Amino acid sequence: MPFTVLGNVENAVGGEELTFLTNGDDVDVYLKNRKIGTMQENRKDMVKDFLNREEPIKAVLSAYDGLESAKMFLAFYRLPRYTVLIQKSS
């Protein structure tokens, strides 16, 4: 999954965990609490949906071209429906 690089990721090592924060219409990508980029359009809405529902997203840095593009492995996890129903009833 590509994302646009804004910060310096030269010292980053493949496999390092990435996190996300929403910023208006954008989704910012962080590495060790340092903003390094923004999500591109193709998955931005899905990441925002999962963040809003507080469902887990796992992402790790997988490649960096040395310029302005990097790639990540991205996995989305949804809570089982019965777990959501139990949480709503409590």
N, C-alpha and C. Protein backbone atom coordinates (compact mmCIF):
# COMPACT_ATOMS: atom_id res chain seq x y z
N MET A 1 0.84 -1.16 0.00
CA MET A 1 0.00 0.00 0.00
C MET A 1 0.90 1.24 0.00
N PRO A 2 0.88 2.04 -1.04
CA PRO A 2 1.74 3.23 -1.09
C PRO A 2 1.19 4.38 -0.25
N PHE A 3 2.09 5.22 0.21
CA PHE A 3 1.69 6.47 0.85
C PHE A 3 2.70 7.54 0.48
N THR A 4 2.29 8.80 0.58
CA THR A 4 3.15 9.91 0.20
C THR A 4 4.03 10.29 1.38
N VAL A 5 5.34 10.31 1.16
CA VAL A 5 6.31 10.61 2.22
C VAL A 5 6.48 12.12 2.35
N LEU A 6 6.35 12.61 3.58
CA LEU A 6 6.56 14.03 3.86
C LEU A 6 7.79 14.24 4.74
N GLY A 7 8.09 13.27 5.57
CA GLY A 7 9.21 13.40 6.50
C GLY A 7 10.37 12.52 6.08
N ASN A 8 11.43 12.57 6.85
CA ASN A 8 12.64 11.82 6.57
C ASN A 8 12.49 10.40 7.11
N VAL A 9 12.55 9.41 6.24
CA VAL A 9 12.48 8.02 6.67
C VAL A 9 13.75 7.25 6.30
N GLU A 10 14.83 7.99 6.05
CA GLU A 10 16.09 7.35 5.64
C GLU A 10 16.59 6.33 6.65
N ASN A 11 16.41 6.62 7.94
CA ASN A 11 16.91 5.72 8.98
C ASN A 11 15.92 4.63 9.34
N ALA A 12 14.77 4.63 8.71
CA ALA A 12 13.74 3.63 9.02
C ALA A 12 14.16 2.26 8.50
N VAL A 13 13.76 1.26 9.22
CA VAL A 13 14.06 -0.12 8.85
C VAL A 13 12.75 -0.80 8.48
N GLY A 14 12.76 -1.57 7.41
CA GLY A 14 11.56 -2.31 7.03
C GLY A 14 11.04 -3.14 8.18
N GLY A 15 9.74 -3.15 8.35
CA GLY A 15 9.12 -3.90 9.44
C GLY A 15 8.78 -3.05 10.65
N GLU A 16 9.20 -1.77 10.64
CA GLU A 16 8.86 -0.91 11.77
C GLU A 16 7.37 -0.56 11.72
N GLU A 17 6.74 -0.54 12.90
CA GLU A 17 5.30 -0.31 12.98
C GLU A 17 4.95 1.15 12.69
N LEU A 18 3.87 1.33 11.94
CA LEU A 18 3.34 2.64 11.61
C LEU A 18 2.01 2.84 12.33
N THR A 19 1.68 4.08 12.64
CA THR A 19 0.40 4.41 13.24
C THR A 19 -0.24 5.54 12.44
N PHE A 20 -1.52 5.79 12.71
CA PHE A 20 -2.28 6.76 11.93
C PHE A 20 -3.04 7.71 12.84
N LEU A 21 -3.20 8.95 12.37
CA LEU A 21 -4.06 9.94 13.01
C LEU A 21 -4.81 10.68 11.91
N THR A 22 -6.09 10.97 12.16
CA THR A 22 -6.83 11.75 11.18
C THR A 22 -6.54 13.23 11.40
N ASN A 23 -6.52 13.96 10.31
CA ASN A 23 -6.25 15.39 10.33
C ASN A 23 -7.17 16.02 9.29
N GLY A 24 -8.41 16.34 9.71
CA GLY A 24 -9.40 16.83 8.75
C GLY A 24 -9.73 15.73 7.76
N ASP A 25 -9.55 16.00 6.48
CA ASP A 25 -9.81 15.00 5.44
C ASP A 25 -8.63 14.07 5.21
N ASP A 26 -7.48 14.38 5.78
CA ASP A 26 -6.28 13.58 5.57
C ASP A 26 -6.09 12.56 6.68
N VAL A 27 -5.30 11.55 6.36
CA VAL A 27 -4.85 10.57 7.35
C VAL A 27 -3.34 10.62 7.35
N ASP A 28 -2.77 11.03 8.48
CA ASP A 28 -1.32 11.16 8.60
C ASP A 28 -0.71 9.83 9.06
N VAL A 29 0.47 9.53 8.54
CA VAL A 29 1.20 8.31 8.86
C VAL A 29 2.36 8.68 9.78
N TYR A 30 2.49 7.93 10.89
CA TYR A 30 3.53 8.20 11.88
C TYR A 30 4.43 6.99 12.07
N LEU A 31 5.70 7.28 12.27
CA LEU A 31 6.69 6.27 12.62
C LEU A 31 7.35 6.74 13.90
N LYS A 32 7.19 5.97 14.96
CA LYS A 32 7.76 6.34 16.27
C LYS A 32 7.36 7.77 16.67
N ASN A 33 6.07 8.06 16.62
CA ASN A 33 5.53 9.37 17.03
C ASN A 33 6.02 10.53 16.17
N ARG A 34 6.58 10.26 14.98
CA ARG A 34 7.05 11.30 14.07
C ARG A 34 6.27 11.19 12.76
N LYS A 35 5.62 12.28 12.37
CA LYS A 35 4.85 12.25 11.13
C LYS A 35 5.79 12.10 9.95
N ILE A 36 5.53 11.06 9.14
CA ILE A 36 6.39 10.82 7.99
C ILE A 36 5.64 10.88 6.67
N GLY A 37 4.31 10.98 6.71
CA GLY A 37 3.59 11.02 5.45
C GLY A 37 2.10 11.09 5.60
N THR A 38 1.41 10.98 4.46
CA THR A 38 -0.05 10.95 4.44
C THR A 38 -0.52 9.80 3.55
N MET A 39 -1.67 9.25 3.89
CA MET A 39 -2.24 8.17 3.10
C MET A 39 -2.70 8.71 1.76
N GLN A 40 -2.53 7.90 0.72
CA GLN A 40 -3.06 8.27 -0.58
C GLN A 40 -4.55 7.92 -0.63
N GLU A 41 -5.24 8.45 -1.60
CA GLU A 41 -6.70 8.37 -1.68
C GLU A 41 -7.27 6.95 -1.64
N ASN A 42 -6.58 5.98 -2.20
CA ASN A 42 -7.17 4.65 -2.40
C ASN A 42 -7.53 3.91 -1.11
N ARG A 43 -6.93 4.19 0.03
CA ARG A 43 -7.27 3.52 1.28
C ARG A 43 -7.55 4.50 2.42
N LYS A 44 -7.48 5.78 2.14
CA LYS A 44 -7.65 6.78 3.18
C LYS A 44 -9.00 6.65 3.89
N ASP A 45 -10.08 6.48 3.13
CA ASP A 45 -11.41 6.39 3.73
C ASP A 45 -11.56 5.15 4.60
N MET A 46 -10.98 4.04 4.17
CA MET A 46 -11.07 2.81 4.95
C MET A 46 -10.32 2.96 6.27
N VAL A 47 -9.14 3.56 6.23
CA VAL A 47 -8.37 3.80 7.46
C VAL A 47 -9.17 4.71 8.39
N LYS A 48 -9.77 5.78 7.86
CA LYS A 48 -10.57 6.68 8.69
C LYS A 48 -11.74 5.96 9.32
N ASP A 49 -12.43 5.10 8.57
CA ASP A 49 -13.56 4.34 9.12
C ASP A 49 -13.12 3.48 10.29
N PHE A 50 -12.01 2.77 10.14
CA PHE A 50 -11.54 1.90 11.21
C PHE A 50 -11.09 2.72 12.43
N LEU A 51 -10.43 3.84 12.20
CA LEU A 51 -10.03 4.71 13.32
C LEU A 51 -11.25 5.24 14.06
N ASN A 52 -12.27 5.66 13.32
CA ASN A 52 -13.49 6.18 13.95
C ASN A 52 -14.21 5.12 14.76
N ARG A 53 -14.18 3.87 14.31
CA ARG A 53 -14.83 2.77 15.04
C ARG A 53 -13.91 2.19 16.12
N GLU A 54 -12.70 2.71 16.20
CA GLU A 54 -11.69 2.23 17.16
C GLU A 54 -11.41 0.74 16.99
N GLU A 55 -11.39 0.30 15.73
CA GLU A 55 -11.03 -1.08 15.43
C GLU A 55 -9.56 -1.13 15.03
N PRO A 56 -8.91 -2.25 15.30
CA PRO A 56 -7.46 -2.33 15.09
C PRO A 56 -7.02 -2.27 13.63
N ILE A 57 -5.94 -1.54 13.44
CA ILE A 57 -5.24 -1.49 12.16
C ILE A 57 -3.77 -1.79 12.47
N LYS A 58 -3.19 -2.70 11.74
CA LYS A 58 -1.77 -2.99 11.89
C LYS A 58 -1.07 -2.62 10.59
N ALA A 59 0.01 -1.87 10.71
CA ALA A 59 0.76 -1.45 9.52
C ALA A 59 2.24 -1.45 9.83
N VAL A 60 3.04 -1.89 8.87
CA VAL A 60 4.49 -1.84 8.99
C VAL A 60 5.09 -1.30 7.70
N LEU A 61 6.18 -0.58 7.83
CA LEU A 61 6.91 -0.05 6.68
C LEU A 61 7.54 -1.22 5.93
N SER A 62 7.34 -1.24 4.60
CA SER A 62 7.90 -2.35 3.83
C SER A 62 8.91 -1.91 2.78
N ALA A 63 8.80 -0.67 2.27
CA ALA A 63 9.73 -0.21 1.24
C ALA A 63 9.74 1.30 1.19
N TYR A 64 10.87 1.86 0.80
CA TYR A 64 11.01 3.31 0.65
C TYR A 64 11.91 3.55 -0.55
N ASP A 65 11.45 4.40 -1.50
CA ASP A 65 12.22 4.60 -2.73
C ASP A 65 13.31 5.67 -2.60
N GLY A 66 13.44 6.27 -1.42
CA GLY A 66 14.47 7.29 -1.20
C GLY A 66 14.04 8.67 -1.64
N LEU A 67 12.85 8.81 -2.19
CA LEU A 67 12.37 10.11 -2.67
C LEU A 67 11.09 10.51 -1.97
N GLU A 68 9.96 10.18 -2.58
CA GLU A 68 8.71 10.67 -2.02
C GLU A 68 7.62 9.61 -1.91
N SER A 69 7.97 8.38 -2.10
CA SER A 69 6.98 7.31 -2.01
C SER A 69 7.51 6.17 -1.15
N ALA A 70 6.63 5.61 -0.36
CA ALA A 70 6.98 4.46 0.46
C ALA A 70 5.81 3.50 0.42
N LYS A 71 6.05 2.28 0.86
CA LYS A 71 4.98 1.27 0.89
C LYS A 71 4.91 0.66 2.28
N MET A 72 3.71 0.18 2.60
CA MET A 72 3.49 -0.46 3.88
C MET A 72 2.65 -1.70 3.67
N PHE A 73 2.80 -2.65 4.61
CA PHE A 73 1.85 -3.74 4.71
C PHE A 73 0.76 -3.23 5.64
N LEU A 74 -0.48 -3.43 5.28
CA LEU A 74 -1.59 -2.88 6.02
C LEU A 74 -2.63 -3.97 6.24
N ALA A 75 -3.07 -4.14 7.50
CA ALA A 75 -4.08 -5.16 7.82
C ALA A 75 -5.17 -4.52 8.69
N PHE A 76 -6.40 -4.82 8.33
CA PHE A 76 -7.56 -4.31 9.06
C PHE A 76 -8.21 -5.47 9.80
N TYR A 77 -8.57 -5.26 11.06
CA TYR A 77 -9.20 -6.30 11.86
C TYR A 77 -10.53 -5.77 12.39
N ARG A 78 -11.59 -6.54 12.17
CA ARG A 78 -12.91 -6.15 12.69
C ARG A 78 -13.24 -7.04 13.87
N LEU A 79 -13.92 -6.44 14.84
CA LEU A 79 -14.40 -7.22 15.98
C LEU A 79 -15.52 -8.13 15.50
N PRO A 80 -15.61 -9.36 16.03
CA PRO A 80 -16.72 -10.24 15.66
C PRO A 80 -18.05 -9.58 16.03
N ARG A 81 -19.08 -9.81 15.25
CA ARG A 81 -20.37 -9.17 15.45
C ARG A 81 -20.92 -9.41 16.84
N TYR A 82 -20.78 -10.63 17.38
CA TYR A 82 -21.32 -10.89 18.72
C TYR A 82 -20.60 -10.08 19.78
N THR A 83 -19.31 -9.79 19.59
CA THR A 83 -18.57 -8.96 20.55
C THR A 83 -19.11 -7.54 20.52
N VAL A 84 -19.41 -7.03 19.35
CA VAL A 84 -19.95 -5.67 19.21
C VAL A 84 -21.32 -5.60 19.89
N LEU A 85 -22.16 -6.62 19.68
CA LEU A 85 -23.49 -6.63 20.32
C LEU A 85 -23.40 -6.69 21.84
N ILE A 86 -22.47 -7.47 22.36
CA ILE A 86 -22.29 -7.55 23.83
C ILE A 86 -21.83 -6.22 24.37
N GLN A 87 -20.90 -5.55 23.67
CA GLN A 87 -20.41 -4.24 24.13
C GLN A 87 -21.53 -3.22 24.12
N LYS A 88 -22.41 -3.24 23.14
CA LYS A 88 -23.52 -2.30 23.05
C LYS A 88 -24.53 -2.52 24.17
N SER A 89 -24.72 -3.78 24.60
CA SER A 89 -25.72 -4.07 25.63
C SER A 89 -25.23 -3.74 27.04
N SER A 90 -23.92 -3.56 27.23
CA SER A 90 -23.41 -3.27 28.58
C SER A 90 -23.54 -1.81 28.94
